[in-house]
Amino acid sequence: MTPRYPSTIAVRVNHELVIKKSRFIAHVSPVASPAEADAVIAQVKQRAWDARHHCSAQVTGDFGDRARSSDDGEPSGTAGMPILEVLRRRGLTDVVAVVTRYFGGIKLGAGGLVRAYSSAVSEALDLAMIVDRRLLVAATVAVDHADAGRFDNLLREWVRRHGATLADPVYDAKAEFEVWLPPSEVPMLSAELASVSSGAVRAVVSGAERLVGVPRPAPPRG
């Protein structure tokens, strides 16, 4: 069974929430590592140096197996963990969320802080483009040079219909095409190649794998 990988976001999003005169400014960014997440947090702190708090959470790793959070001076458990829980509930990884708070002079209490930090990040993510990630495997298709054009067209159409990608062909003793496709689609590719070539052409799976991001379609409006 192919494992399900957490999603991520395409680009940084910002969102501001005002509650009882306090400003909660959420910055949510895609990152590739904990070091990159820490750099984003440092940049936010430097840019908004006059704010009282910069609470944060980050999740990284292919399966979201690395996570950290910080209350940054807020009462323990009222900021960092609630932010982290939003990221977890959304099924995200390789992402960092920083919420900058400008205190408005009215205390919100522990419950109010949890709701404020959670809502700021949740509303920011509602604006984000979600990128689903799929594991693809590599398969090589080798054909005679005389047939390269026909199979180039066939494979380009096939990958468009099956959530796959096609690398540029390599011309050696034969023309070789590298197809990156979901493991479940390998039998379908093999069957189609066999059908159009009377069994002479087949897909050879190399064992190479990579995660590929696919932007999730936006939900219809109205």
Protein backbone atom coordinates (compact mmCIF):
# COMPACT_ATOMS: atom_id res chain seq x y z
CA MET A 1 0.00 0.00 0.00
CA THR A 2 1.40 3.39 -1.02
CA PRO A 3 1.86 5.64 2.06
CA ARG A 4 -0.03 8.90 2.25
CA TYR A 5 2.25 11.91 2.54
CA PRO A 6 1.32 15.15 4.31
CA SER A 7 0.64 18.17 2.11
CA THR A 8 2.37 21.54 2.19
CA ILE A 9 1.65 25.05 0.88
CA ALA A 10 2.86 26.64 -2.34
CA VAL A 11 3.80 30.14 -1.19
CA ARG A 12 3.83 32.26 1.93
CA VAL A 13 0.55 33.68 3.22
CA ASN A 14 -0.13 36.42 5.77
CA HIS A 15 -3.29 37.21 7.70
CA GLU A 16 -4.14 39.65 10.47
CA LEU A 17 -6.73 39.16 13.19
CA VAL A 18 -7.71 41.84 15.73
CA ILE A 19 -9.21 40.70 19.04
CA LYS A 20 -9.90 43.18 21.86
CA LYS A 21 -7.38 45.63 20.40
CA SER A 22 -4.59 43.03 20.20
CA ARG A 23 -3.25 42.40 16.68
CA PHE A 24 -2.39 38.81 15.76
CA ILE A 25 -0.46 38.72 12.48
CA ALA A 26 0.05 35.21 11.10
CA HIS A 27 2.86 34.42 8.67
CA VAL A 28 2.80 30.88 7.24
CA SER A 29 5.61 29.79 4.91
CA PRO A 30 6.72 26.63 3.13
CA VAL A 31 10.17 25.47 4.25
CA ALA A 32 12.51 22.62 3.38
CA SER A 33 14.18 22.04 6.77
CA PRO A 34 14.15 23.04 10.46
CA ALA A 35 17.05 25.43 9.74
CA GLU A 36 15.00 27.19 7.06
CA ALA A 37 12.03 27.38 9.43
CA ASP A 38 14.23 28.93 12.13
CA ALA A 39 15.46 31.48 9.58
CA VAL A 40 11.87 32.47 8.75
CA ILE A 41 11.09 32.95 12.44
CA ALA A 42 14.22 35.09 12.85
CA GLN A 43 13.25 37.24 9.85
CA VAL A 44 9.76 37.85 11.25
CA LYS A 45 11.20 38.83 14.64
CA GLN A 46 13.66 41.21 13.04
CA ARG A 47 11.04 42.82 10.85
CA ALA A 48 8.50 43.23 13.66
CA TRP A 49 11.02 43.96 16.40
CA ASP A 50 8.59 46.14 18.34
CA ALA A 51 5.98 43.40 18.88
CA ARG A 52 5.60 41.75 22.28
CA HIS A 53 5.41 38.11 21.11
CA HIS A 54 6.36 36.00 18.08
CA CYS A 55 4.84 32.60 18.79
CA SER A 56 5.55 29.82 16.34
CA ALA A 57 5.29 26.19 15.31
CA GLN A 58 6.95 24.20 12.56
CA VAL A 59 6.48 20.76 11.04
CA THR A 60 9.07 19.26 8.69
CA GLY A 61 10.02 15.91 7.17
CA ASP A 62 8.42 13.74 4.50
CA PHE A 63 5.96 12.36 7.04
CA GLY A 64 5.84 15.44 9.28
CA ASP A 65 7.94 13.61 11.86
CA ARG A 66 9.82 16.68 13.13
CA ALA A 67 7.88 19.35 15.02
CA ARG A 68 8.67 22.26 17.32
CA SER A 69 6.70 25.08 18.92
CA SER A 70 7.34 28.17 21.01
CA ASP A 71 5.09 30.27 23.25
CA ASP A 72 7.66 33.10 23.17
CA GLY A 73 6.62 34.57 26.50
CA GLU A 74 2.90 33.80 26.39
CA PRO A 75 1.55 31.52 29.17
CA SER A 76 2.68 27.95 28.62
CA GLY A 77 0.53 26.02 26.16
CA THR A 78 -1.53 29.00 24.97
CA ALA A 79 0.23 29.79 21.69
CA GLY A 80 2.86 27.45 20.25
CA MET A 81 0.98 24.20 20.78
CA PRO A 82 -2.34 25.56 19.49
CA ILE A 83 -0.55 26.76 16.35
CA LEU A 84 1.06 23.34 15.97
CA GLU A 85 -2.31 21.62 16.39
CA VAL A 86 -3.72 23.64 13.47
CA LEU A 87 -0.85 22.53 11.24
CA ARG A 88 -1.37 18.93 12.34
CA ARG A 89 -5.13 19.04 11.77
CA ARG A 90 -4.59 20.41 8.28
CA GLY A 91 -2.25 17.51 7.50
CA LEU A 92 0.71 19.73 6.64
CA THR A 93 4.47 19.38 6.71
CA ASP A 94 7.47 21.43 5.55
CA VAL A 95 5.73 24.52 6.89
CA VAL A 96 6.33 27.11 9.61
CA ALA A 97 3.76 29.42 11.17
CA VAL A 98 4.70 32.53 13.15
CA VAL A 99 2.08 34.68 14.85
CA THR A 100 3.22 38.15 15.84
CA ARG A 101 1.17 39.75 18.61
CA TYR A 102 0.92 43.44 19.32
CA PHE A 103 -0.69 43.65 22.77
CA GLY A 104 -3.73 45.90 22.87
CA GLY A 105 -3.91 46.38 26.64
CA ILE A 106 -6.75 43.93 27.33
CA LYS A 107 -5.90 40.48 28.68
CA LEU A 108 -7.61 37.60 26.86
CA GLY A 109 -7.08 34.80 29.36
CA ALA A 110 -5.69 31.38 28.52
CA GLY A 111 -8.72 30.25 26.52
CA GLY A 112 -8.85 33.50 24.60
CA LEU A 113 -5.18 33.24 23.66
CA VAL A 114 -5.57 29.66 22.44
CA ARG A 115 -8.53 30.69 20.25
CA ALA A 116 -6.75 33.77 18.95
CA TYR A 117 -3.52 32.04 17.94
CA SER A 118 -5.38 29.07 16.48
CA SER A 119 -7.77 31.25 14.51
CA ALA A 120 -5.03 33.48 13.10
CA VAL A 121 -3.19 30.49 11.62
CA SER A 122 -6.34 28.68 10.52
CA GLU A 123 -7.64 31.74 8.67
CA ALA A 124 -4.23 32.27 7.06
CA LEU A 125 -4.27 28.67 5.80
CA ASP A 126 -7.73 29.22 4.34
CA LEU A 127 -5.98 31.65 1.96
CA ALA A 128 -3.12 29.27 1.07
CA MET A 129 -2.67 27.16 -2.03
CA ILE A 130 -2.35 23.61 -0.73
CA VAL A 131 0.13 21.33 -2.48
CA ASP A 132 -0.53 17.60 -2.22
CA ARG A 133 2.54 15.40 -2.49
CA ARG A 134 2.69 12.05 -4.22
CA LEU A 135 5.40 9.44 -4.47
CA LEU A 136 6.35 8.76 -8.08
CA VAL A 137 8.61 6.02 -9.44
CA ALA A 138 10.78 6.14 -12.56
CA ALA A 139 10.18 3.89 -15.55
CA THR A 140 12.30 3.85 -18.71
CA VAL A 141 10.78 3.28 -22.14
CA ALA A 142 13.32 2.50 -24.90
CA VAL A 143 12.29 2.53 -28.58
CA ASP A 144 13.98 2.56 -31.98
CA HIS A 145 14.87 6.02 -33.28
CA ALA A 146 12.40 5.62 -36.14
CA ASP A 147 9.57 5.28 -33.58
CA ALA A 148 10.73 8.08 -31.24
CA GLY A 149 8.30 10.70 -32.50
CA ARG A 150 5.28 8.42 -32.21
CA PHE A 151 6.11 7.29 -28.69
CA ASP A 152 7.00 10.83 -27.63
CA ASN A 153 3.47 11.95 -28.54
CA LEU A 154 1.91 8.87 -26.97
CA LEU A 155 3.77 9.29 -23.66
CA ARG A 156 3.08 13.02 -23.44
CA GLU A 157 -0.61 12.34 -23.73
CA TRP A 158 -0.42 9.41 -21.31
CA VAL A 159 1.30 11.35 -18.51
CA ARG A 160 -1.24 14.16 -18.86
CA ARG A 161 -4.06 11.72 -18.15
CA HIS A 162 -2.40 9.75 -15.36
CA GLY A 163 -0.83 12.28 -12.98
CA ALA A 164 2.67 11.53 -14.25
CA THR A 165 5.58 13.51 -15.71
CA LEU A 166 7.89 12.93 -18.65
CA ALA A 167 11.58 13.84 -18.73
CA ASP A 168 13.39 14.93 -21.90
CA PRO A 169 14.31 11.93 -24.10
CA VAL A 170 17.88 10.68 -24.27
CA TYR A 171 19.12 9.49 -27.67
CA ASP A 172 21.72 6.74 -27.51
CA ALA A 173 21.60 3.33 -29.17
CA LYS A 174 17.86 3.78 -28.74
CA ALA A 175 15.61 6.68 -27.84
CA GLU A 176 14.96 6.46 -24.10
CA PHE A 177 12.06 8.15 -22.32
CA GLU A 178 11.93 8.49 -18.53
CA VAL A 179 8.42 8.51 -17.12
CA TRP A 180 7.74 9.43 -13.48
CA LEU A 181 4.41 7.94 -12.45
CA PRO A 182 2.46 6.72 -9.42
CA PRO A 183 3.35 3.09 -8.62
CA SER A 184 -0.27 2.06 -9.12
CA GLU A 185 -0.15 3.30 -12.72
CA VAL A 186 2.80 1.15 -13.83
CA PRO A 187 0.62 -1.79 -14.99
CA MET A 188 -1.55 0.60 -17.02
CA LEU A 189 1.48 2.09 -18.78
CA SER A 190 2.89 -1.37 -19.50
CA ALA A 191 -0.44 -2.52 -20.92
CA GLU A 192 -0.78 0.51 -23.20
CA LEU A 193 2.78 0.18 -24.49
CA ALA A 194 2.27 -3.52 -25.16
CA SER A 195 -0.97 -2.78 -26.99
CA VAL A 196 0.52 -0.24 -29.42
CA SER A 197 3.74 -2.19 -30.03
CA SER A 198 2.48 -5.79 -30.15
CA GLY A 199 4.46 -6.43 -26.97
CA ALA A 200 7.78 -5.15 -28.33
CA VAL A 201 8.01 -2.07 -26.06
CA ARG A 202 7.75 -2.14 -22.29
CA ALA A 203 8.30 0.07 -19.27
CA VAL A 204 11.26 -0.87 -17.08
CA VAL A 205 10.96 0.40 -13.51
CA SER A 206 14.36 1.55 -12.22
CA GLY A 207 13.52 1.71 -8.53
CA ALA A 208 14.18 5.47 -8.30
CA GLU A 209 11.55 7.40 -6.35
CA ARG A 210 10.77 11.05 -5.64
CA LEU A 211 8.07 13.14 -4.03
CA VAL A 212 6.28 15.48 -6.43
CA GLY A 213 4.03 18.35 -5.39
CA VAL A 214 0.69 18.77 -7.13
CA PRO A 215 -1.33 21.94 -6.36
CA ARG A 216 -4.78 21.08 -5.05
CA PRO A 217 -7.61 22.55 -7.15
CA ALA A 218 -9.39 25.44 -5.44
CA PRO A 219 -12.92 24.57 -4.24
CA PRO A 220 -15.72 25.98 -6.42
CA ARG A 221 -17.22 29.26 -5.24
CA GLY A 222 -20.86 29.86 -4.73
